Amino acid sequence: MKRVFVLFHSYENDDGYDEEKMIGVYSSEEKAKETIEKLKNVEGFCDYPVDCFGIDEYEIDKDHWVGGFCKVYY
């Protein structure tokens, strides 16, 4: 079973909306964590706590959204 690790950075902006950036997709959790170490002191990222970074693990060739279509209205 092959897996990938998706690194993202998310926070709530001053207007109360969630901001999320996908940083990259990695072959191991360790590689994603190494990228966090590289970015946590970079301009912009350093303005937020390190726990704004997150890593999600996904199995390849598997449907991960099976609940149907939805819309979010603000």
C-alpha atoms as a PDB file:
ATOM      1  CA  MET A   1       0.000   0.000   0.000  1.00  0.00           C
ATOM      2  CA  LYS A   2       1.579   3.273  -1.110  1.00  0.00           C
ATOM      3  CA  ARG A   3       1.020   6.471   0.829  1.00  0.00           C
ATOM      4  CA  VAL A   4       1.891  10.126   0.445  1.00  0.00           C
ATOM      5  CA  PHE A   5       2.109  12.891   3.013  1.00  0.00           C
ATOM      6  CA  VAL A   6       0.565  16.269   2.217  1.00  0.00           C
ATOM      7  CA  LEU A   7       2.027  19.259   4.051  1.00  0.00           C
ATOM      8  CA  PHE A   8      -0.147  22.319   4.514  1.00  0.00           C
ATOM      9  CA  HIS A   9      -0.155  25.563   6.485  1.00  0.00           C
ATOM     10  CA  SER A  10      -3.432  26.998   7.783  1.00  0.00           C
ATOM     11  CA  TYR A  11      -4.588  29.819  10.029  1.00  0.00           C
ATOM     12  CA  GLU A  12      -7.502  32.207  10.494  1.00  0.00           C
ATOM     13  CA  ASN A  13      -6.891  35.590   8.859  1.00  0.00           C
ATOM     14  CA  ASP A  14      -7.836  38.987  10.313  1.00  0.00           C
ATOM     15  CA  ASP A  15     -11.232  38.841   8.576  1.00  0.00           C
ATOM     16  CA  GLY A  16     -12.092  35.568  10.333  1.00  0.00           C
ATOM     17  CA  TYR A  17     -11.646  33.363   7.257  1.00  0.00           C
ATOM     18  CA  ASP A  18      -9.483  30.266   7.122  1.00  0.00           C
ATOM     19  CA  GLU A  19      -6.383  30.578   4.959  1.00  0.00           C
ATOM     20  CA  GLU A  20      -4.781  27.327   3.839  1.00  0.00           C
ATOM     21  CA  LYS A  21      -1.770  26.700   1.637  1.00  0.00           C
ATOM     22  CA  MET A  22      -0.734  23.311   0.361  1.00  0.00           C
ATOM     23  CA  ILE A  23       3.061  23.278   0.633  1.00  0.00           C
ATOM     24  CA  GLY A  24       3.827  19.946  -1.024  1.00  0.00           C
ATOM     25  CA  VAL A  25       3.354  16.198  -1.304  1.00  0.00           C
ATOM     26  CA  TYR A  26       6.075  13.940   0.110  1.00  0.00           C
ATOM     27  CA  SER A  27       6.980  10.268   0.028  1.00  0.00           C
ATOM     28  CA  SER A  28       7.516  10.138   3.791  1.00  0.00           C
ATOM     29  CA  GLU A  29       6.358  11.933   6.901  1.00  0.00           C
ATOM     30  CA  GLU A  30       9.985  12.636   7.752  1.00  0.00           C
ATOM     31  CA  LYS A  31      10.492  14.581   4.502  1.00  0.00           C
ATOM     32  CA  ALA A  32       7.395  16.660   5.239  1.00  0.00           C
ATOM     33  CA  LYS A  33       8.711  17.387   8.749  1.00  0.00           C
ATOM     34  CA  GLU A  34      12.083  18.424   7.284  1.00  0.00           C
ATOM     35  CA  THR A  35      10.249  20.973   5.139  1.00  0.00           C
ATOM     36  CA  ILE A  36       8.503  22.367   8.220  1.00  0.00           C
ATOM     37  CA  GLU A  37      11.923  22.868   9.805  1.00  0.00           C
ATOM     38  CA  LYS A  38      13.080  24.745   6.679  1.00  0.00           C
ATOM     39  CA  LEU A  39       9.981  26.964   6.490  1.00  0.00           C
ATOM     40  CA  LYS A  40       9.110  27.734  10.112  1.00  0.00           C
ATOM     41  CA  ASN A  41      11.503  30.707  10.216  1.00  0.00           C
ATOM     42  CA  VAL A  42      10.800  31.989   6.688  1.00  0.00           C
ATOM     43  CA  GLU A  43       9.052  35.349   6.268  1.00  0.00           C
ATOM     44  CA  GLY A  44       5.300  34.961   6.668  1.00  0.00           C
ATOM     45  CA  PHE A  45       5.394  31.475   8.170  1.00  0.00           C
ATOM     46  CA  CYS A  46       7.375  32.740  11.169  1.00  0.00           C
ATOM     47  CA  ASP A  47       4.476  35.068  12.046  1.00  0.00           C
ATOM     48  CA  TYR A  48       2.358  32.045  13.081  1.00  0.00           C
ATOM     49  CA  PRO A  49       2.886  29.196  15.548  1.00  0.00           C
ATOM     50  CA  VAL A  50       4.536  26.077  14.161  1.00  0.00           C
ATOM     51  CA  ASP A  51       1.343  24.131  14.886  1.00  0.00           C
ATOM     52  CA  CYS A  52      -0.253  25.947  11.928  1.00  0.00           C
ATOM     53  CA  PHE A  53       1.609  23.383   9.802  1.00  0.00           C
ATOM     54  CA  GLY A  54      -0.146  20.060   9.348  1.00  0.00           C
ATOM     55  CA  ILE A  55       0.582  16.776   7.642  1.00  0.00           C
ATOM     56  CA  ASP A  56      -2.155  14.531   6.248  1.00  0.00           C
ATOM     57  CA  GLU A  57      -1.452  10.978   5.135  1.00  0.00           C
ATOM     58  CA  TYR A  58      -3.210   9.627   2.041  1.00  0.00           C
ATOM     59  CA  GLU A  59      -3.286   6.205   0.491  1.00  0.00           C
ATOM     60  CA  ILE A  60      -2.629   6.351  -3.269  1.00  0.00           C
ATOM     61  CA  ASP A  61      -5.312   5.143  -5.712  1.00  0.00           C
ATOM     62  CA  LYS A  62      -8.093   5.424  -3.142  1.00  0.00           C
ATOM     63  CA  ASP A  63     -11.093   7.768  -3.149  1.00  0.00           C
ATOM     64  CA  HIS A  64     -10.843  10.103  -0.178  1.00  0.00           C
ATOM     65  CA  TRP A  65     -13.971  12.184  -0.782  1.00  0.00           C
ATOM     66  CA  VAL A  66     -17.018   9.965  -1.148  1.00  0.00           C
ATOM     67  CA  GLY A  67     -19.699  12.067   0.590  1.00  0.00           C
ATOM     68  CA  GLY A  68     -20.912  13.941  -2.476  1.00  0.00           C
ATOM     69  CA  PHE A  69     -20.650  17.513  -3.688  1.00  0.00           C
ATOM     70  CA  CYS A  70     -20.992  20.464  -1.310  1.00  0.00           C
ATOM     71  CA  LYS A  71     -20.713  24.249  -1.442  1.00  0.00           C
ATOM     72  CA  VAL A  72     -19.546  26.609   1.254  1.00  0.00           C
ATOM     73  CA  TYR A  73     -21.143  30.064   1.343  1.00  0.00           C
ATOM     74  CA  TYR A  74     -19.690  33.012   3.227  1.00  0.00           C
END
